[in-house]
Protein backbone atom coordinates (compact mmCIF):
# COMPACT_ATOMS: atom_id res chain seq x y z
CA MET A 1 23.32 6.22 -0.97
CA ASN A 2 24.16 4.72 2.38
CA ILE A 3 20.92 3.84 4.16
CA GLY A 4 20.49 2.53 7.69
CA ILE A 5 17.39 0.53 8.60
CA ILE A 6 16.56 0.00 12.27
CA GLY A 7 14.01 -2.79 12.38
CA ALA A 8 14.09 -6.02 10.40
CA GLY A 9 10.38 -6.84 10.38
CA HIS A 10 8.10 -6.86 7.36
CA ILE A 11 8.50 -3.22 6.31
CA GLY A 12 12.21 -3.05 7.12
CA SER A 13 12.93 -6.21 5.16
CA ALA A 14 10.79 -5.10 2.20
CA LEU A 15 12.61 -1.78 2.04
CA ALA A 16 15.98 -3.52 2.30
CA VAL A 17 15.19 -5.79 -0.65
CA ARG A 18 14.19 -2.87 -2.86
CA LEU A 19 16.95 -0.51 -1.79
CA VAL A 20 19.69 -3.10 -2.29
CA SER A 21 18.24 -3.93 -5.72
CA LEU A 22 18.56 -0.24 -6.63
CA GLY A 23 22.23 -0.22 -5.72
CA HIS A 24 22.11 1.42 -2.29
CA SER A 25 24.39 0.31 0.56
CA VAL A 26 22.07 -0.86 3.35
CA LEU A 27 22.85 -1.74 6.96
CA ILE A 28 19.97 -3.37 8.85
CA ALA A 29 19.57 -3.81 12.61
CA ASN A 30 17.17 -5.42 15.04
CA SER A 31 16.84 -5.52 18.83
CA ARG A 32 18.56 -8.90 19.21
CA GLY A 33 21.87 -8.16 17.52
CA PRO A 34 23.41 -8.62 14.07
CA GLU A 35 24.28 -12.27 14.73
CA THR A 36 20.53 -13.07 14.54
CA LEU A 37 20.06 -11.49 11.11
CA GLY A 38 21.57 -14.18 8.89
CA ASP A 39 18.27 -15.07 7.22
CA VAL A 40 17.38 -11.41 6.72
CA ALA A 41 20.78 -10.71 5.17
CA GLN A 42 20.39 -13.67 2.81
CA LYS A 43 16.90 -12.58 1.76
CA THR A 44 17.58 -8.86 1.38
CA GLY A 45 21.26 -8.46 0.60
CA ALA A 46 21.56 -5.91 3.40
CA THR A 47 24.44 -6.06 5.88
CA PRO A 48 23.56 -6.92 9.52
CA ALA A 49 24.59 -4.27 12.05
CA THR A 50 23.82 -2.84 15.45
CA ALA A 51 21.27 -0.03 15.68
CA LYS A 52 24.03 2.52 16.31
CA GLU A 53 26.02 1.26 13.33
CA ALA A 54 22.96 1.49 11.10
CA ALA A 55 22.26 5.05 12.27
CA ARG A 56 25.81 6.20 11.66
CA HIS A 57 25.88 4.56 8.23
CA GLY A 58 22.86 6.34 6.87
CA GLU A 59 22.48 9.30 4.56
CA ILE A 60 18.87 8.37 5.29
CA ILE A 61 17.84 6.41 8.39
CA VAL A 62 14.65 4.35 8.60
CA VAL A 63 13.19 3.54 12.02
CA THR A 64 10.66 0.76 11.50
CA ILE A 65 10.00 -0.97 14.81
CA PRO A 66 6.78 -1.43 16.83
CA LEU A 67 5.66 1.95 18.12
CA ILE A 68 5.65 0.78 21.74
CA ASN A 69 9.36 -0.12 21.47
CA ILE A 70 10.48 3.34 20.33
CA PRO A 71 11.35 4.50 23.91
CA ASP A 72 13.63 1.46 24.30
CA LEU A 73 16.03 2.57 21.56
CA PRO A 74 19.48 3.73 22.77
CA LYS A 75 19.37 7.31 24.02
CA ASP A 76 22.57 8.07 22.09
CA LEU A 77 21.33 6.41 18.91
CA PHE A 78 21.87 9.53 16.79
CA GLU A 79 25.02 10.77 18.47
CA GLY A 80 27.41 11.93 15.77
CA VAL A 81 24.75 11.73 13.05
CA PRO A 82 24.49 15.07 11.19
CA ALA A 83 21.25 16.98 11.70
CA SER A 84 20.79 17.02 7.92
CA VAL A 85 20.28 13.23 7.79
CA PRO A 86 16.53 12.48 7.45
CA VAL A 87 15.01 9.97 9.86
CA ILE A 88 11.99 8.11 8.48
CA ASP A 89 9.31 6.84 10.88
CA THR A 90 7.04 4.06 9.57
CA SER A 91 5.27 3.20 12.82
CA ASN A 92 1.55 2.75 13.50
CA TYR A 93 -0.40 2.65 16.75
CA TYR A 94 -2.17 -0.67 17.43
CA PRO A 95 -3.55 -0.42 20.99
CA LEU A 96 -5.49 -3.71 20.99
CA LEU A 97 -3.07 -5.98 19.17
CA ARG A 98 0.28 -4.72 20.41
CA ASP A 99 0.88 -1.30 21.93
CA GLY A 100 -1.58 -0.87 24.79
CA HIS A 101 -3.28 2.49 25.31
CA LEU A 102 -1.16 5.63 25.10
CA HIS A 103 -2.93 8.69 26.51
CA GLU A 104 -1.54 11.28 24.08
CA LEU A 105 -2.63 9.21 21.10
CA GLU A 106 -6.02 8.36 22.56
CA THR A 107 -6.84 12.04 23.12
CA GLY A 108 -5.48 13.11 19.75
CA SER A 109 -3.14 15.68 21.27
CA LEU A 110 -0.29 14.12 19.30
CA THR A 111 -0.08 12.24 16.05
CA GLU A 112 1.75 8.92 16.12
CA SER A 113 4.87 10.37 14.55
CA GLU A 114 4.86 13.44 16.81
CA TRP A 115 4.95 10.97 19.72
CA VAL A 116 7.82 9.08 18.05
CA GLN A 117 9.66 12.34 17.37
CA GLN A 118 9.42 13.35 21.03
CA HIS A 119 10.93 10.05 22.16
CA LEU A 120 13.68 10.03 19.53
CA GLY A 121 14.61 13.66 20.19
CA ARG A 122 15.08 14.02 16.46
CA PRO A 123 12.85 15.35 13.65
CA VAL A 124 11.20 12.56 11.66
CA VAL A 125 9.52 12.16 8.30
CA LYS A 126 6.43 9.92 8.21
CA VAL A 127 6.09 7.52 5.26
CA PHE A 128 5.73 3.81 4.39
CA ASN A 129 3.24 3.33 7.23
CA ASN A 130 0.10 2.99 5.11
CA ILE A 131 1.17 0.39 2.55
CA TYR A 132 1.42 -3.37 3.02
CA ALA A 133 5.00 -4.66 3.14
CA ASP A 134 4.40 -7.05 0.24
CA HIS A 135 3.09 -4.18 -1.89
CA LEU A 136 6.04 -2.00 -0.90
CA GLU A 137 8.41 -4.70 -2.07
CA LYS A 138 6.62 -5.75 -5.26
CA LYS A 139 4.28 -3.02 -6.56
CA GLY A 140 6.61 -0.13 -7.34
CA GLN A 141 6.24 0.98 -10.98
CA PRO A 142 7.89 3.47 -13.36
CA VAL A 143 6.70 7.08 -13.46
CA GLY A 144 3.46 7.37 -15.44
CA ALA A 145 2.66 3.65 -15.33
CA PRO A 146 -1.06 2.85 -15.00
CA GLY A 147 -1.94 1.96 -11.43
CA ARG A 148 1.19 3.50 -9.89
CA ILE A 149 0.56 3.81 -6.15
CA ALA A 150 0.92 7.14 -4.33
CA LEU A 151 2.31 7.37 -0.79
CA PRO A 152 1.77 10.30 1.60
CA VAL A 153 4.87 11.89 3.14
CA ALA A 154 4.63 14.19 6.18
CA GLY A 155 7.29 16.16 8.03
CA ASP A 156 8.33 19.57 9.31
CA ASP A 157 11.81 19.78 7.75
CA GLU A 158 11.25 20.59 4.09
CA ALA A 159 14.76 19.60 2.97
CA ALA A 160 14.52 16.24 4.74
CA LYS A 161 11.03 15.66 3.37
CA ARG A 162 12.19 16.42 -0.18
CA LYS A 163 15.05 13.93 0.11
CA VAL A 164 12.64 11.27 1.41
CA MET A 165 10.11 12.02 -1.35
CA ASP A 166 12.85 11.53 -3.94
CA LEU A 167 13.57 8.11 -2.42
CA VAL A 168 9.86 7.20 -2.52
CA GLU A 169 9.80 8.09 -6.23
CA GLU A 170 12.92 6.00 -6.86
CA LEU A 171 11.23 3.02 -5.22
CA GLY A 172 8.43 3.26 -7.79
CA PHE A 173 5.72 5.25 -6.00
CA ASP A 174 4.32 8.77 -6.41
CA ALA A 175 5.27 10.83 -3.34
CA VAL A 176 2.46 13.11 -2.18
CA ASP A 177 3.21 15.87 0.33
CA ASP A 178 0.96 15.32 3.37
CA GLY A 179 2.04 18.54 5.06
CA SER A 180 3.49 18.87 8.53
CA LEU A 181 4.00 16.07 11.02
CA HIS A 182 0.97 17.42 12.90
CA GLU A 183 -1.07 16.70 9.77
CA SER A 184 0.16 13.11 9.47
CA TRP A 185 -3.03 11.90 11.19
CA ARG A 186 -4.44 11.88 7.66
CA GLN A 187 -2.37 8.75 6.83
CA GLN A 188 -2.76 6.88 10.12
CA PRO A 189 -4.70 3.62 10.63
CA GLY A 190 -8.46 4.02 10.45
CA THR A 191 -8.33 6.72 7.78
CA PRO A 192 -9.64 5.91 4.30
CA SER A 193 -6.22 6.03 2.59
CA TYR A 194 -4.66 3.51 4.99
CA GLY A 195 -3.72 0.46 2.92
CA ALA A 196 -5.81 1.71 -0.01
CA ASP A 197 -3.05 1.89 -2.67
CA TRP A 198 -4.63 4.95 -4.28
CA PRO A 199 -3.21 6.77 -7.31
CA GLU A 200 -1.79 10.27 -6.91
CA ASN A 201 -4.85 12.27 -7.96
CA LYS A 202 -7.19 10.40 -5.62
CA LEU A 203 -4.80 10.62 -2.67
CA ARG A 204 -4.23 14.37 -3.16
CA GLU A 205 -7.96 15.06 -3.35
CA HIS A 206 -8.65 12.96 -0.26
CA LEU A 207 -6.00 14.72 1.82
CA ARG A 208 -7.44 18.08 0.80
CA SER A 209 -10.93 16.94 1.76
CA LEU A 210 -9.87 16.14 5.33
CA GLY A 211 -8.57 19.63 6.07
CA HIS A 212 -5.46 20.51 8.07
CA GLU A 213 -6.58 20.43 11.70
CA ARG A 214 -8.06 17.17 12.96
CA THR A 215 -11.44 17.72 14.58
CA ALA A 216 -12.61 15.79 17.64
CA GLU A 217 -15.24 14.16 15.44
CA GLN A 218 -12.64 13.02 12.91
CA HIS A 219 -10.43 11.65 15.66
CA GLN A 220 -13.26 9.63 17.18
CA GLN A 221 -14.44 8.41 13.77
CA PHE A 222 -11.04 7.14 12.69
CA MET A 223 -10.19 5.66 16.10
CA ALA A 224 -13.48 3.74 16.05
CA LYS A 225 -12.82 2.44 12.55
CA HIS A 226 -9.31 1.38 13.52
CA ALA A 227 -10.61 -0.37 16.64
CA GLU A 228 -13.03 -2.34 14.50
CA GLN A 229 -10.24 -3.25 12.09
CA GLU A 230 -8.12 -4.47 15.01
CA LYS A 231 -10.96 -6.65 16.29
CA GLN A 232 -11.31 -8.21 12.85
CA MET A 233 -7.57 -8.84 12.70
CA ALA A 234 -7.64 -10.43 16.15
CA ALA A 235 -10.55 -12.68 15.11
CA GLN A 236 -8.47 -13.82 12.13
CA GLY A 237 -5.58 -14.70 14.42
CA ILE A 238 -3.33 -11.95 13.09
CA LYS A 239 -0.53 -11.07 15.48
CA LEU A 240 1.72 -8.03 15.21
CA LYS A 241 5.33 -7.79 16.23
């Protein structure tokens, strides 16, 4: 396939490495222009491009930039891109370390990817947000292999979600349907499955146990856990970009 990746950070680069190794044609973009992507191109094998070029190239498009920078993307980013092309959102909300406080996400009225979808003006599929980049690049395994990691996939367009789930499987992970985009809170930071690298049966059971509608208690519980995780990351000198 032709795949466009907008964002050349850890997740974008990890995906590029794997997708190129599988024979896909990958264009990768960042906010500073293709001329700054020489090292990324050498590492990944992907072709540097502008964001618009990457979007127009893709049979699947991956948007993998800091959540707070989503509104800065070109307003005509998807102009001319067929509505059938899935757009993957990998973003996470880190209010302390990077993004500041966003009211809709603090109150729980929107999930992270619903917020992204509103700003992009385009339906998105949420995946690759709850696995470490290094694991995404190196821990994919064949179907049925012991320890194969399962990844949750959420979205409202069933055809787009199916296409994305097939790509997840090709990358060496079990794709688990996490329901609608409104249900994608179940894979956000602070939830038990975030970064856990669970197998398919455990992930499916956990998602079922959380229910479909996020309660106020769940929202506060997971926000508090995420805040504590951010404090620990800050104390370790971890910086996000």
